[in-house]
């Protein structure tokens, strides 16, 4: 058995809860998809009106695969590169040269481990704080979706009401594409589109509308660990 979260919209907030389900070990896509199906059955058992979507390369739905952070690009760069290149530490950063290297190389760059505690993010979109915990990742993810998905694909997303990412474990990571997709769902319900918020506008909106970090026990303050995608 395993526990993983599903993300959804409730009372005008992007929220989440954990579900217990049978885990199928193994690294193959077929084993991962069995785990996804098991998690979705657990969601359906709790809510008969659930329409869950796996937002990752493990999804059986084309729009779910397209929502994978590995498939989305922002201003021509992969999300991994944008995220890693924007990190600011007590002793250095941001390291903008990480935009130009392979994504795995960007994530493993030694400077990300030797520059002291993470203090925030800075990129061409502006400066972002560590609190709310996921605000920078959510902002660049939604910006990439705005650039990458068609109107029909956006409408397809709005037809689902639970979002999962089978690889995301809140005990090990902070940021999740499934959580960001629940924010997209909320924005589509509230505005009928993805508003082109400035960084400051999005931070204010995020503080008011995104509560899934609290549900998962992600601390809202204190010294941050090195954030991962």
C-alpha atoms as a PDB file:
ATOM      1  CA  UNK A   1       0.000   0.000   0.000  1.00  0.00           C
ATOM      2  CA  UNK A   2       1.012   3.606  -0.572  1.00  0.00           C
ATOM      3  CA  UNK A   3      -0.325   7.103   0.000  1.00  0.00           C
ATOM      4  CA  UNK A   4      -0.405   9.840  -2.624  1.00  0.00           C
ATOM      5  CA  UNK A   5      -2.361  13.089  -2.857  1.00  0.00           C
ATOM      6  CA  UNK A   6      -5.026  14.160  -5.316  1.00  0.00           C
ATOM      7  CA  UNK A   7      -5.624  17.859  -5.953  1.00  0.00           C
ATOM      8  CA  UNK A   8      -9.000  19.472  -6.544  1.00  0.00           C
ATOM      9  CA  UNK A   9     -11.012  22.683  -6.225  1.00  0.00           C
ATOM     10  CA  UNK A  10     -13.208  23.174  -3.164  1.00  0.00           C
ATOM     11  CA  UNK A  11     -15.025  26.354  -2.114  1.00  0.00           C
ATOM     12  CA  UNK A  12     -12.887  28.551  -4.331  1.00  0.00           C
ATOM     13  CA  UNK A  13      -9.573  27.049  -3.151  1.00  0.00           C
ATOM     14  CA  UNK A  14      -7.047  24.644  -4.656  1.00  0.00           C
ATOM     15  CA  UNK A  15      -6.900  21.881  -2.050  1.00  0.00           C
ATOM     16  CA  UNK A  16      -5.781  18.249  -1.671  1.00  0.00           C
ATOM     17  CA  UNK A  17      -6.107  15.070   0.360  1.00  0.00           C
ATOM     18  CA  UNK A  18      -4.163  11.841   0.669  1.00  0.00           C
ATOM     19  CA  UNK A  19      -5.493   8.494  -0.555  1.00  0.00           C
ATOM     20  CA  UNK A  20      -4.300   5.007   0.333  1.00  0.00           C
ATOM     21  CA  UNK A  21      -4.081   2.569  -2.570  1.00  0.00           C
ATOM     22  CA  UNK A  22      -2.293  -0.533  -3.802  1.00  0.00           C
ATOM     23  CA  UNK A  23       1.155   0.301  -5.166  1.00  0.00           C
ATOM     24  CA  UNK A  24       2.619  -1.674  -8.067  1.00  0.00           C
ATOM     25  CA  UNK A  25       6.433  -1.652  -7.770  1.00  0.00           C
ATOM     26  CA  UNK A  26       8.677  -1.356 -10.783  1.00  0.00           C
ATOM     27  CA  UNK A  27       9.989   1.320 -13.119  1.00  0.00           C
ATOM     28  CA  UNK A  28       8.147   0.364 -16.301  1.00  0.00           C
ATOM     29  CA  UNK A  29       5.414   2.606 -17.674  1.00  0.00           C
ATOM     30  CA  UNK A  30       2.906  -0.245 -17.402  1.00  0.00           C
ATOM     31  CA  UNK A  31       3.595  -0.654 -13.659  1.00  0.00           C
ATOM     32  CA  UNK A  32       3.314   3.080 -13.086  1.00  0.00           C
ATOM     33  CA  UNK A  33       0.000   3.124 -14.952  1.00  0.00           C
ATOM     34  CA  UNK A  34      -1.296   0.278 -12.780  1.00  0.00           C
ATOM     35  CA  UNK A  35      -0.492   2.407  -9.730  1.00  0.00           C
ATOM     36  CA  UNK A  36      -2.259   5.390 -11.315  1.00  0.00           C
ATOM     37  CA  UNK A  37      -5.364   3.293 -11.962  1.00  0.00           C
ATOM     38  CA  UNK A  38      -5.267   2.001  -8.375  1.00  0.00           C
ATOM     39  CA  UNK A  39      -5.022   5.549  -7.005  1.00  0.00           C
ATOM     40  CA  UNK A  40      -7.890   6.677  -9.230  1.00  0.00           C
ATOM     41  CA  UNK A  41     -10.058   3.784  -7.993  1.00  0.00           C
ATOM     42  CA  UNK A  42      -9.429   4.968  -4.428  1.00  0.00           C
ATOM     43  CA  UNK A  43     -10.529   8.483  -5.396  1.00  0.00           C
ATOM     44  CA  UNK A  44     -13.666   7.147  -7.080  1.00  0.00           C
ATOM     45  CA  UNK A  45     -14.486   5.042  -4.020  1.00  0.00           C
ATOM     46  CA  UNK A  46     -14.505   8.229  -1.937  1.00  0.00           C
ATOM     47  CA  UNK A  47     -16.333  10.359  -4.519  1.00  0.00           C
ATOM     48  CA  UNK A  48     -18.553   8.681  -7.084  1.00  0.00           C
ATOM     49  CA  UNK A  49     -18.582  11.850  -9.198  1.00  0.00           C
ATOM     50  CA  UNK A  50     -14.795  12.078  -9.418  1.00  0.00           C
ATOM     51  CA  UNK A  51     -13.186  12.491 -12.837  1.00  0.00           C
ATOM     52  CA  UNK A  52      -9.480  12.042 -12.089  1.00  0.00           C
ATOM     53  CA  UNK A  53      -6.675  12.922 -14.498  1.00  0.00           C
ATOM     54  CA  UNK A  54      -3.050  11.854 -14.152  1.00  0.00           C
ATOM     55  CA  UNK A  55      -0.937  14.874 -15.133  1.00  0.00           C
ATOM     56  CA  UNK A  56       2.344  13.227 -16.120  1.00  0.00           C
ATOM     57  CA  UNK A  57       4.005  11.138 -18.800  1.00  0.00           C
ATOM     58  CA  UNK A  58       2.401   8.127 -17.069  1.00  0.00           C
ATOM     59  CA  UNK A  59      -1.079   9.308 -18.046  1.00  0.00           C
ATOM     60  CA  UNK A  60      -3.207   7.360 -20.523  1.00  0.00           C
ATOM     61  CA  UNK A  61      -4.836  10.630 -21.647  1.00  0.00           C
ATOM     62  CA  UNK A  62      -3.024  12.783 -24.259  1.00  0.00           C
ATOM     63  CA  UNK A  63      -3.799  16.000 -22.391  1.00  0.00           C
ATOM     64  CA  UNK A  64      -2.425  14.448 -19.194  1.00  0.00           C
ATOM     65  CA  UNK A  65       0.849  13.632 -20.931  1.00  0.00           C
ATOM     66  CA  UNK A  66       1.021  17.146 -22.374  1.00  0.00           C
ATOM     67  CA  UNK A  67       0.661  18.554 -18.843  1.00  0.00           C
ATOM     68  CA  UNK A  68       3.877  16.833 -17.786  1.00  0.00           C
ATOM     69  CA  UNK A  69       6.558  19.306 -16.737  1.00  0.00           C
ATOM     70  CA  UNK A  70       8.923  17.347 -19.001  1.00  0.00           C
ATOM     71  CA  UNK A  71       6.796  18.237 -22.042  1.00  0.00           C
ATOM     72  CA  UNK A  72       6.031  21.899 -21.285  1.00  0.00           C
ATOM     73  CA  UNK A  73       8.340  24.723 -22.292  1.00  0.00           C
ATOM     74  CA  UNK A  74       8.460  28.350 -21.218  1.00  0.00           C
ATOM     75  CA  UNK A  75       9.960  30.893 -23.623  1.00  0.00           C
ATOM     76  CA  UNK A  76      11.726  28.045 -25.407  1.00  0.00           C
ATOM     77  CA  UNK A  77      13.245  26.446 -22.296  1.00  0.00           C
ATOM     78  CA  UNK A  78      12.191  23.377 -20.325  1.00  0.00           C
ATOM     79  CA  UNK A  79      10.574  24.032 -16.946  1.00  0.00           C
ATOM     80  CA  UNK A  80      13.432  22.193 -15.223  1.00  0.00           C
ATOM     81  CA  UNK A  81      15.966  24.632 -16.670  1.00  0.00           C
ATOM     82  CA  UNK A  82      13.847  27.692 -15.835  1.00  0.00           C
ATOM     83  CA  UNK A  83      13.317  26.476 -12.268  1.00  0.00           C
ATOM     84  CA  UNK A  84      16.931  25.588 -11.507  1.00  0.00           C
ATOM     85  CA  UNK A  85      18.388  28.680 -13.209  1.00  0.00           C
ATOM     86  CA  UNK A  86      16.206  31.011 -11.105  1.00  0.00           C
ATOM     87  CA  UNK A  87      17.306  29.804  -7.656  1.00  0.00           C
ATOM     88  CA  UNK A  88      18.919  32.398  -5.404  1.00  0.00           C
ATOM     89  CA  UNK A  89      21.036  31.297  -2.438  1.00  0.00           C
ATOM     90  CA  UNK A  90      22.734  33.073   0.436  1.00  0.00           C
ATOM     91  CA  UNK A  91      26.093  32.684  -1.311  1.00  0.00           C
ATOM     92  CA  UNK A  92      25.214  32.908  -4.997  1.00  0.00           C
ATOM     93  CA  UNK A  93      22.728  32.706  -7.814  1.00  0.00           C
ATOM     94  CA  UNK A  94      20.734  32.914  -9.858  1.00  0.00           C
ATOM     95  CA  UNK A  95      22.844  30.869 -12.272  1.00  0.00           C
ATOM     96  CA  UNK A  96      21.326  31.877 -15.604  1.00  0.00           C
ATOM     97  CA  UNK A  97      23.788  29.726 -17.553  1.00  0.00           C
ATOM     98  CA  UNK A  98      21.764  26.704 -16.405  1.00  0.00           C
ATOM     99  CA  UNK A  99      19.156  27.643 -19.013  1.00  0.00           C
ATOM    100  CA  UNK A 100      21.515  26.434 -21.724  1.00  0.00           C
ATOM    101  CA  UNK A 101      22.487  22.963 -20.456  1.00  0.00           C
ATOM    102  CA  UNK A 102      20.544  19.672 -20.569  1.00  0.00           C
ATOM    103  CA  UNK A 103      17.806  19.567 -17.882  1.00  0.00           C
ATOM    104  CA  UNK A 104      19.412  16.732 -15.893  1.00  0.00           C
ATOM    105  CA  UNK A 105      22.731  18.590 -15.890  1.00  0.00           C
ATOM    106  CA  UNK A 106      21.004  21.743 -14.640  1.00  0.00           C
ATOM    107  CA  UNK A 107      19.411  19.878 -11.743  1.00  0.00           C
ATOM    108  CA  UNK A 108      22.714  18.273 -10.726  1.00  0.00           C
ATOM    109  CA  UNK A 109      24.862  21.404 -10.948  1.00  0.00           C
ATOM    110  CA  UNK A 110      27.179  21.479  -7.928  1.00  0.00           C
ATOM    111  CA  UNK A 111      26.553  25.184  -7.259  1.00  0.00           C
ATOM    112  CA  UNK A 112      22.962  24.363  -6.270  1.00  0.00           C
ATOM    113  CA  UNK A 113      24.381  22.388  -3.329  1.00  0.00           C
ATOM    114  CA  UNK A 114      27.316  24.568  -2.293  1.00  0.00           C
ATOM    115  CA  UNK A 115      25.810  28.075  -2.344  1.00  0.00           C
ATOM    116  CA  UNK A 116      24.113  27.927   1.039  1.00  0.00           C
ATOM    117  CA  UNK A 117      20.402  27.959   1.916  1.00  0.00           C
ATOM    118  CA  UNK A 118      17.849  28.809  -0.752  1.00  0.00           C
ATOM    119  CA  UNK A 119      16.482  32.349  -0.251  1.00  0.00           C
ATOM    120  CA  UNK A 120      14.183  32.881  -3.256  1.00  0.00           C
ATOM    121  CA  UNK A 121      13.897  32.912  -7.030  1.00  0.00           C
ATOM    122  CA  UNK A 122      14.753  35.509  -9.674  1.00  0.00           C
ATOM    123  CA  UNK A 123      14.158  35.361 -13.422  1.00  0.00           C
ATOM    124  CA  UNK A 124      12.914  37.562 -16.246  1.00  0.00           C
ATOM    125  CA  UNK A 125       9.384  37.288 -14.823  1.00  0.00           C
ATOM    126  CA  UNK A 126      10.580  38.978 -11.613  1.00  0.00           C
ATOM    127  CA  UNK A 127      11.485  37.983  -8.053  1.00  0.00           C
ATOM    128  CA  UNK A 128       9.581  35.370  -6.050  1.00  0.00           C
ATOM    129  CA  UNK A 129       9.748  34.533  -2.334  1.00  0.00           C
ATOM    130  CA  UNK A 130       9.969  31.086  -0.789  1.00  0.00           C
ATOM    131  CA  UNK A 131       6.602  31.615   0.896  1.00  0.00           C
ATOM    132  CA  UNK A 132       4.036  30.526  -0.278  1.00  0.00           C
ATOM    133  CA  UNK A 133       6.129  27.393  -0.748  1.00  0.00           C
ATOM    134  CA  UNK A 134       5.085  26.480  -4.304  1.00  0.00           C
ATOM    135  CA  UNK A 135       4.347  29.940  -5.698  1.00  0.00           C
ATOM    136  CA  UNK A 136       7.286  30.221  -8.118  1.00  0.00           C
ATOM    137  CA  UNK A 137       6.905  26.732  -9.534  1.00  0.00           C
ATOM    138  CA  UNK A 138       3.155  27.216  -9.924  1.00  0.00           C
ATOM    139  CA  UNK A 139       3.699  30.538 -11.703  1.00  0.00           C
ATOM    140  CA  UNK A 140       6.150  29.238 -14.308  1.00  0.00           C
ATOM    141  CA  UNK A 141       4.125  26.041 -14.790  1.00  0.00           C
ATOM    142  CA  UNK A 142       0.908  27.962 -15.493  1.00  0.00           C
ATOM    143  CA  UNK A 143       2.807  30.346 -17.784  1.00  0.00           C
ATOM    144  CA  UNK A 144       4.136  27.351 -19.736  1.00  0.00           C
ATOM    145  CA  UNK A 145       0.648  25.832 -20.004  1.00  0.00           C
ATOM    146  CA  UNK A 146      -0.655  29.144 -21.338  1.00  0.00           C
ATOM    147  CA  UNK A 147       2.003  29.015 -24.068  1.00  0.00           C
ATOM    148  CA  UNK A 148       1.659  25.310 -24.845  1.00  0.00           C
ATOM    149  CA  UNK A 149      -2.003  24.192 -24.703  1.00  0.00           C
ATOM    150  CA  UNK A 150      -4.678  24.988 -27.257  1.00  0.00           C
ATOM    151  CA  UNK A 151      -8.167  26.209 -26.365  1.00  0.00           C
ATOM    152  CA  UNK A 152      -9.557  22.715 -26.933  1.00  0.00           C
ATOM    153  CA  UNK A 153      -6.931  21.180 -24.666  1.00  0.00           C
ATOM    154  CA  UNK A 154      -7.675  23.752 -21.968  1.00  0.00           C
ATOM    155  CA  UNK A 155     -11.369  22.879 -22.165  1.00  0.00           C
ATOM    156  CA  UNK A 156     -10.435  19.203 -21.861  1.00  0.00           C
ATOM    157  CA  UNK A 157      -8.580  19.951 -18.610  1.00  0.00           C
ATOM    158  CA  UNK A 158     -11.661  21.702 -17.221  1.00  0.00           C
ATOM    159  CA  UNK A 159     -13.697  18.497 -17.661  1.00  0.00           C
ATOM    160  CA  UNK A 160     -11.682  16.753 -14.891  1.00  0.00           C
ATOM    161  CA  UNK A 161     -12.031  17.507 -11.191  1.00  0.00           C
ATOM    162  CA  UNK A 162      -9.190  15.560  -9.518  1.00  0.00           C
ATOM    163  CA  UNK A 163      -5.541  15.712 -10.550  1.00  0.00           C
ATOM    164  CA  UNK A 164      -2.752  13.302  -9.653  1.00  0.00           C
ATOM    165  CA  UNK A 165       0.975  12.886 -10.251  1.00  0.00           C
ATOM    166  CA  UNK A 166       1.987   9.354  -9.364  1.00  0.00           C
ATOM    167  CA  UNK A 167       5.674  10.273  -8.952  1.00  0.00           C
ATOM    168  CA  UNK A 168       5.011  13.094  -6.468  1.00  0.00           C
ATOM    169  CA  UNK A 169       5.616  12.192  -2.831  1.00  0.00           C
ATOM    170  CA  UNK A 170       4.973  15.121  -0.446  1.00  0.00           C
ATOM    171  CA  UNK A 171       7.303  13.525   2.095  1.00  0.00           C
ATOM    172  CA  UNK A 172      10.200  14.084  -0.328  1.00  0.00           C
ATOM    173  CA  UNK A 173       9.251  16.995  -2.599  1.00  0.00           C
ATOM    174  CA  UNK A 174       7.444  20.321  -2.462  1.00  0.00           C
ATOM    175  CA  UNK A 175       6.400  21.173  -6.016  1.00  0.00           C
ATOM    176  CA  UNK A 176       3.959  19.176  -8.111  1.00  0.00           C
ATOM    177  CA  UNK A 177       2.475  19.566 -11.556  1.00  0.00           C
ATOM    178  CA  UNK A 178      -0.822  18.046 -10.358  1.00  0.00           C
ATOM    179  CA  UNK A 179      -1.149  20.793  -7.756  1.00  0.00           C
ATOM    180  CA  UNK A 180      -0.473  23.431 -10.406  1.00  0.00           C
ATOM    181  CA  UNK A 181      -3.154  21.875 -12.640  1.00  0.00           C
ATOM    182  CA  UNK A 182      -5.692  22.183  -9.819  1.00  0.00           C
ATOM    183  CA  UNK A 183      -4.868  25.907  -9.765  1.00  0.00           C
ATOM    184  CA  UNK A 184      -5.498  26.010 -13.528  1.00  0.00           C
ATOM    185  CA  UNK A 185      -8.868  24.319 -12.947  1.00  0.00           C
ATOM    186  CA  UNK A 186      -9.724  26.975 -10.348  1.00  0.00           C
ATOM    187  CA  UNK A 187      -8.691  29.817 -12.653  1.00  0.00           C
ATOM    188  CA  UNK A 188     -10.776  28.419 -15.503  1.00  0.00           C
ATOM    189  CA  UNK A 189     -13.774  28.236 -13.189  1.00  0.00           C
ATOM    190  CA  UNK A 190     -13.210  31.747 -11.858  1.00  0.00           C
ATOM    191  CA  UNK A 191     -12.164  33.603 -15.022  1.00  0.00           C
ATOM    192  CA  UNK A 192     -12.963  31.298 -17.950  1.00  0.00           C
ATOM    193  CA  UNK A 193      -9.298  31.563 -18.985  1.00  0.00           C
ATOM    194  CA  UNK A 194      -5.795  31.717 -17.522  1.00  0.00           C
ATOM    195  CA  UNK A 195      -5.297  35.369 -16.532  1.00  0.00           C
ATOM    196  CA  UNK A 196      -1.955  36.924 -17.436  1.00  0.00           C
ATOM    197  CA  UNK A 197      -1.027  37.900 -13.881  1.00  0.00           C
ATOM    198  CA  UNK A 198       2.190  39.712 -13.121  1.00  0.00           C
ATOM    199  CA  UNK A 199       4.416  37.993 -10.582  1.00  0.00           C
ATOM    200  CA  UNK A 200       3.208  40.247  -7.755  1.00  0.00           C
ATOM    201  CA  UNK A 201      -0.439  39.773  -8.714  1.00  0.00           C
ATOM    202  CA  UNK A 202      -0.013  35.997  -8.791  1.00  0.00           C
ATOM    203  CA  UNK A 203       1.669  35.934  -5.380  1.00  0.00           C
ATOM    204  CA  UNK A 204      -1.267  37.807  -3.847  1.00  0.00           C
ATOM    205  CA  UNK A 205      -3.806  35.558  -5.611  1.00  0.00           C
ATOM    206  CA  UNK A 206      -1.897  32.408  -4.590  1.00  0.00           C
ATOM    207  CA  UNK A 207      -1.874  33.370  -0.900  1.00  0.00           C
ATOM    208  CA  UNK A 208      -5.645  33.645  -0.947  1.00  0.00           C
ATOM    209  CA  UNK A 209      -6.611  30.668  -3.132  1.00  0.00           C
ATOM    210  CA  UNK A 210      -4.040  27.867  -2.730  1.00  0.00           C
ATOM    211  CA  UNK A 211      -4.273  25.764   0.452  1.00  0.00           C
ATOM    212  CA  UNK A 212      -3.110  22.306  -0.621  1.00  0.00           C
ATOM    213  CA  UNK A 213       0.294  22.795   1.010  1.00  0.00           C
ATOM    214  CA  UNK A 214      -1.433  23.029   4.388  1.00  0.00           C
ATOM    215  CA  UNK A 215      -3.403  19.849   3.683  1.00  0.00           C
ATOM    216  CA  UNK A 216      -0.179  17.981   2.880  1.00  0.00           C
ATOM    217  CA  UNK A 217       1.671  19.303   5.923  1.00  0.00           C
ATOM    218  CA  UNK A 218       4.162  21.373   3.900  1.00  0.00           C
ATOM    219  CA  UNK A 219       5.412  23.987   6.395  1.00  0.00           C
ATOM    220  CA  UNK A 220       4.452  27.546   5.516  1.00  0.00           C
ATOM    221  CA  UNK A 221       7.526  29.130   7.069  1.00  0.00           C
ATOM    222  CA  UNK A 222      10.980  28.410   8.406  1.00  0.00           C
ATOM    223  CA  UNK A 223      14.286  27.718   6.669  1.00  0.00           C
ATOM    224  CA  UNK A 224      13.580  26.086   3.357  1.00  0.00           C
ATOM    225  CA  UNK A 225      15.205  22.933   2.203  1.00  0.00           C
ATOM    226  CA  UNK A 226      16.445  22.818  -1.370  1.00  0.00           C
ATOM    227  CA  UNK A 227      13.264  22.791  -3.404  1.00  0.00           C
ATOM    228  CA  UNK A 228      12.916  20.118  -6.064  1.00  0.00           C
ATOM    229  CA  UNK A 229      10.619  19.880  -9.055  1.00  0.00           C
END
